[in-house]
N, C-alpha and C. Protein backbone atom coordinates (compact mmCIF):
# COMPACT_ATOMS: atom_id res chain seq x y z
N MET A 1 12.15 0.64 -16.95
CA MET A 1 10.59 1.03 -17.20
C MET A 1 10.73 2.70 -16.95
N ASP A 2 9.41 3.00 -17.79
CA ASP A 2 9.50 4.22 -17.80
C ASP A 2 8.25 4.71 -16.58
N SER A 3 8.86 5.97 -16.76
CA SER A 3 7.22 6.43 -15.12
C SER A 3 6.55 6.66 -15.04
N GLN A 4 5.96 6.20 -16.72
CA GLN A 4 3.82 6.13 -17.06
C GLN A 4 3.89 4.60 -16.82
N THR A 5 4.74 3.11 -16.71
CA THR A 5 4.77 2.05 -16.18
C THR A 5 4.03 1.89 -14.78
N VAL A 6 5.38 2.73 -13.93
CA VAL A 6 5.91 2.70 -12.51
C VAL A 6 3.98 3.45 -12.46
N LYS A 7 3.99 4.28 -12.50
CA LYS A 7 2.78 5.73 -12.57
C LYS A 7 1.34 4.36 -12.35
N LEU A 8 1.41 3.56 -13.48
CA LEU A 8 0.60 2.41 -13.23
C LEU A 8 0.41 1.38 -12.22
N LYS A 9 2.12 0.77 -11.65
CA LYS A 9 1.82 -0.23 -11.43
C LYS A 9 1.78 0.69 -9.24
N LEU A 10 2.08 1.81 -9.05
CA LEU A 10 1.88 2.63 -7.90
C LEU A 10 0.10 2.58 -7.45
N ALA A 11 -0.32 2.77 -8.83
CA ALA A 11 -1.97 3.62 -9.10
C ALA A 11 -1.98 1.56 -7.84
N ASN A 12 -1.54 0.77 -8.84
CA ASN A 12 -2.13 -1.05 -8.49
C ASN A 12 -2.14 -1.43 -6.88
N ILE A 13 -0.42 -0.41 -6.79
CA ILE A 13 -0.48 -0.77 -4.71
C ILE A 13 -1.32 -0.46 -3.70
N GLU A 14 -0.87 1.32 -4.44
CA GLU A 14 -2.94 1.39 -3.68
C GLU A 14 -4.42 1.03 -3.22
N SER A 15 -4.63 0.96 -4.53
CA SER A 15 -5.82 0.10 -4.06
C SER A 15 -5.38 -1.67 -3.92
N LYS A 16 -4.32 -2.25 -3.60
CA LYS A 16 -4.40 -3.15 -2.58
C LYS A 16 -4.54 -2.97 -1.30
N ARG A 17 -4.22 -1.91 -1.14
CA ARG A 17 -3.61 0.07 0.38
C ARG A 17 -4.98 -0.96 0.97
N GLU A 18 -5.67 -0.99 -0.11
CA GLU A 18 -7.71 -0.30 0.71
C GLU A 18 -8.09 -1.30 1.29
N SER A 19 -8.20 -3.03 0.38
CA SER A 19 -7.89 -3.73 0.35
C SER A 19 -7.42 -4.26 2.12
N LEU A 20 -6.20 -3.85 1.97
CA LEU A 20 -5.75 -4.22 3.70
C LEU A 20 -5.94 -3.41 4.60
N VAL A 21 -6.85 -2.10 4.40
CA VAL A 21 -7.13 -0.61 5.60
C VAL A 21 -8.76 -1.61 5.82
N LYS A 22 -9.39 -2.20 4.62
CA LYS A 22 -10.80 -3.17 4.54
C LYS A 22 -10.94 -4.31 5.81
N LEU A 23 -10.00 -4.63 5.15
CA LEU A 23 -9.37 -6.23 6.04
C LEU A 23 -9.60 -5.74 7.55
N LEU A 24 -8.71 -4.72 7.59
CA LEU A 24 -7.92 -4.05 9.06
C LEU A 24 -9.20 -4.18 10.00
N GLU A 25 -10.78 -3.75 9.03
CA GLU A 25 -12.11 -3.26 10.26
C GLU A 25 -12.37 -5.17 10.59
N LYS A 26 -12.05 -5.99 10.18
CA LYS A 26 -12.80 -7.12 10.29
C LYS A 26 -12.88 -7.76 12.38
N PRO A 27 -13.72 -7.65 12.90
CA PRO A 27 -13.09 -7.53 14.26
C PRO A 27 -12.36 -9.26 14.68
N ASP A 28 -12.20 -10.55 13.98
CA ASP A 28 -11.95 -11.87 14.32
C ASP A 28 -10.70 -11.99 13.88
N LEU A 29 -9.87 -10.97 13.78
CA LEU A 29 -8.36 -10.79 12.98
C LEU A 29 -7.53 -11.71 14.09
N GLY A 30 -7.34 -11.02 14.08
CA GLY A 30 -6.89 -11.50 16.10
C GLY A 30 -5.36 -11.07 15.52
N THR A 31 -4.14 -12.23 15.88
CA THR A 31 -2.40 -11.52 16.55
C THR A 31 -2.67 -11.15 14.30
N LEU A 32 -3.57 -11.38 12.85
CA LEU A 32 -2.66 -11.26 11.82
C LEU A 32 -3.42 -9.47 12.23
N ARG A 33 -4.22 -9.06 12.54
CA ARG A 33 -3.61 -7.66 13.02
C ARG A 33 -2.58 -6.77 12.45
N ILE A 34 -0.98 -7.07 13.87
CA ILE A 34 -0.04 -7.19 13.74
C ILE A 34 -0.24 -6.96 12.09
N ASP A 35 0.35 -8.01 11.48
CA ASP A 35 0.74 -8.37 9.74
C ASP A 35 -0.15 -7.35 9.17
N VAL A 36 -1.03 -7.46 8.87
CA VAL A 36 -2.04 -6.43 8.57
C VAL A 36 -1.35 -4.57 8.55
N ASN A 37 -1.19 -4.58 10.27
CA ASN A 37 -0.59 -2.74 9.65
C ASN A 37 0.64 -3.19 9.50
N GLN A 38 1.86 -3.98 9.42
CA GLN A 38 2.60 -3.94 9.15
C GLN A 38 2.58 -3.96 7.46
N ALA A 39 2.16 -4.13 6.86
CA ALA A 39 1.89 -4.09 5.81
C ALA A 39 1.33 -2.98 5.04
N ILE A 40 0.40 -2.29 5.67
CA ILE A 40 -0.25 -0.56 5.58
C ILE A 40 1.12 -0.13 5.44
N GLU A 41 1.85 0.01 6.84
CA GLU A 41 3.11 0.78 6.87
C GLU A 41 4.31 0.78 6.06
N GLU A 42 4.56 -0.78 5.56
CA GLU A 42 5.49 -0.12 4.87
C GLU A 42 4.37 -0.45 2.82
N ILE A 43 3.66 -0.24 2.64
CA ILE A 43 3.40 0.07 1.56
C ILE A 43 3.16 1.69 1.18
N ASP A 44 2.45 1.94 2.86
CA ASP A 44 2.86 3.60 2.60
C ASP A 44 4.20 4.13 2.27
N ASP A 45 4.71 3.21 3.24
CA ASP A 45 6.93 4.47 2.73
C ASP A 45 6.73 4.40 1.55
N LEU A 46 6.24 2.65 0.93
CA LEU A 46 6.72 2.55 -1.39
C LEU A 46 5.78 3.33 -1.83
N ILE A 47 5.09 3.70 -1.14
CA ILE A 47 3.87 5.17 -2.04
C ILE A 47 4.93 5.73 -1.70
N ASP A 48 5.07 6.61 -0.52
CA ASP A 48 5.81 7.88 -0.38
C ASP A 48 7.15 8.37 -1.21
N GLU A 49 7.62 7.45 -1.48
CA GLU A 49 9.38 7.05 -1.95
C GLU A 49 9.39 7.05 -2.95
N LEU A 50 8.41 6.06 -3.76
CA LEU A 50 7.82 6.20 -5.02
C LEU A 50 7.21 7.28 -5.62
N ASN A 51 6.52 8.35 -4.89
CA ASN A 51 6.41 9.72 -5.54
C ASN A 51 6.83 10.66 -5.11
N ARG A 52 8.71 10.61 -4.46
CA ARG A 52 9.25 11.39 -4.11
C ARG A 52 9.97 10.98 -5.07
N THR A 53 10.39 9.92 -5.91
CA THR A 53 11.23 9.35 -7.06
C THR A 53 10.77 9.76 -7.95
N PHE A 54 9.48 9.74 -8.66
CA PHE A 54 8.31 10.05 -9.84
C PHE A 54 7.69 11.66 -9.25
N PRO A 55 7.89 12.23 -9.39
CA PRO A 55 6.75 12.76 -8.55
C PRO A 55 5.45 13.69 -10.27
N ASP A 56 5.11 14.09 -10.17
CA ASP A 56 3.28 13.90 -11.33
C ASP A 56 4.38 15.67 -11.79
C-alpha cells in the first residue's frame, strides 16, 4: 500500500470520527456514551500514529 492510499484511508477514518462526535451530542445515548468515547479515543490514537508514520 502506498502512502497516498494510506492518506485517503486516514481521511475516511477522520470523517467517521466526526460522526461519532455528533452521536455523542445526543442526550439519550445512555451507557453507549462510554463506548462512543472509547471509539473516539482509539481513532485519535490511530490518526496520531498514522500521521507520525506518514507525515505530509
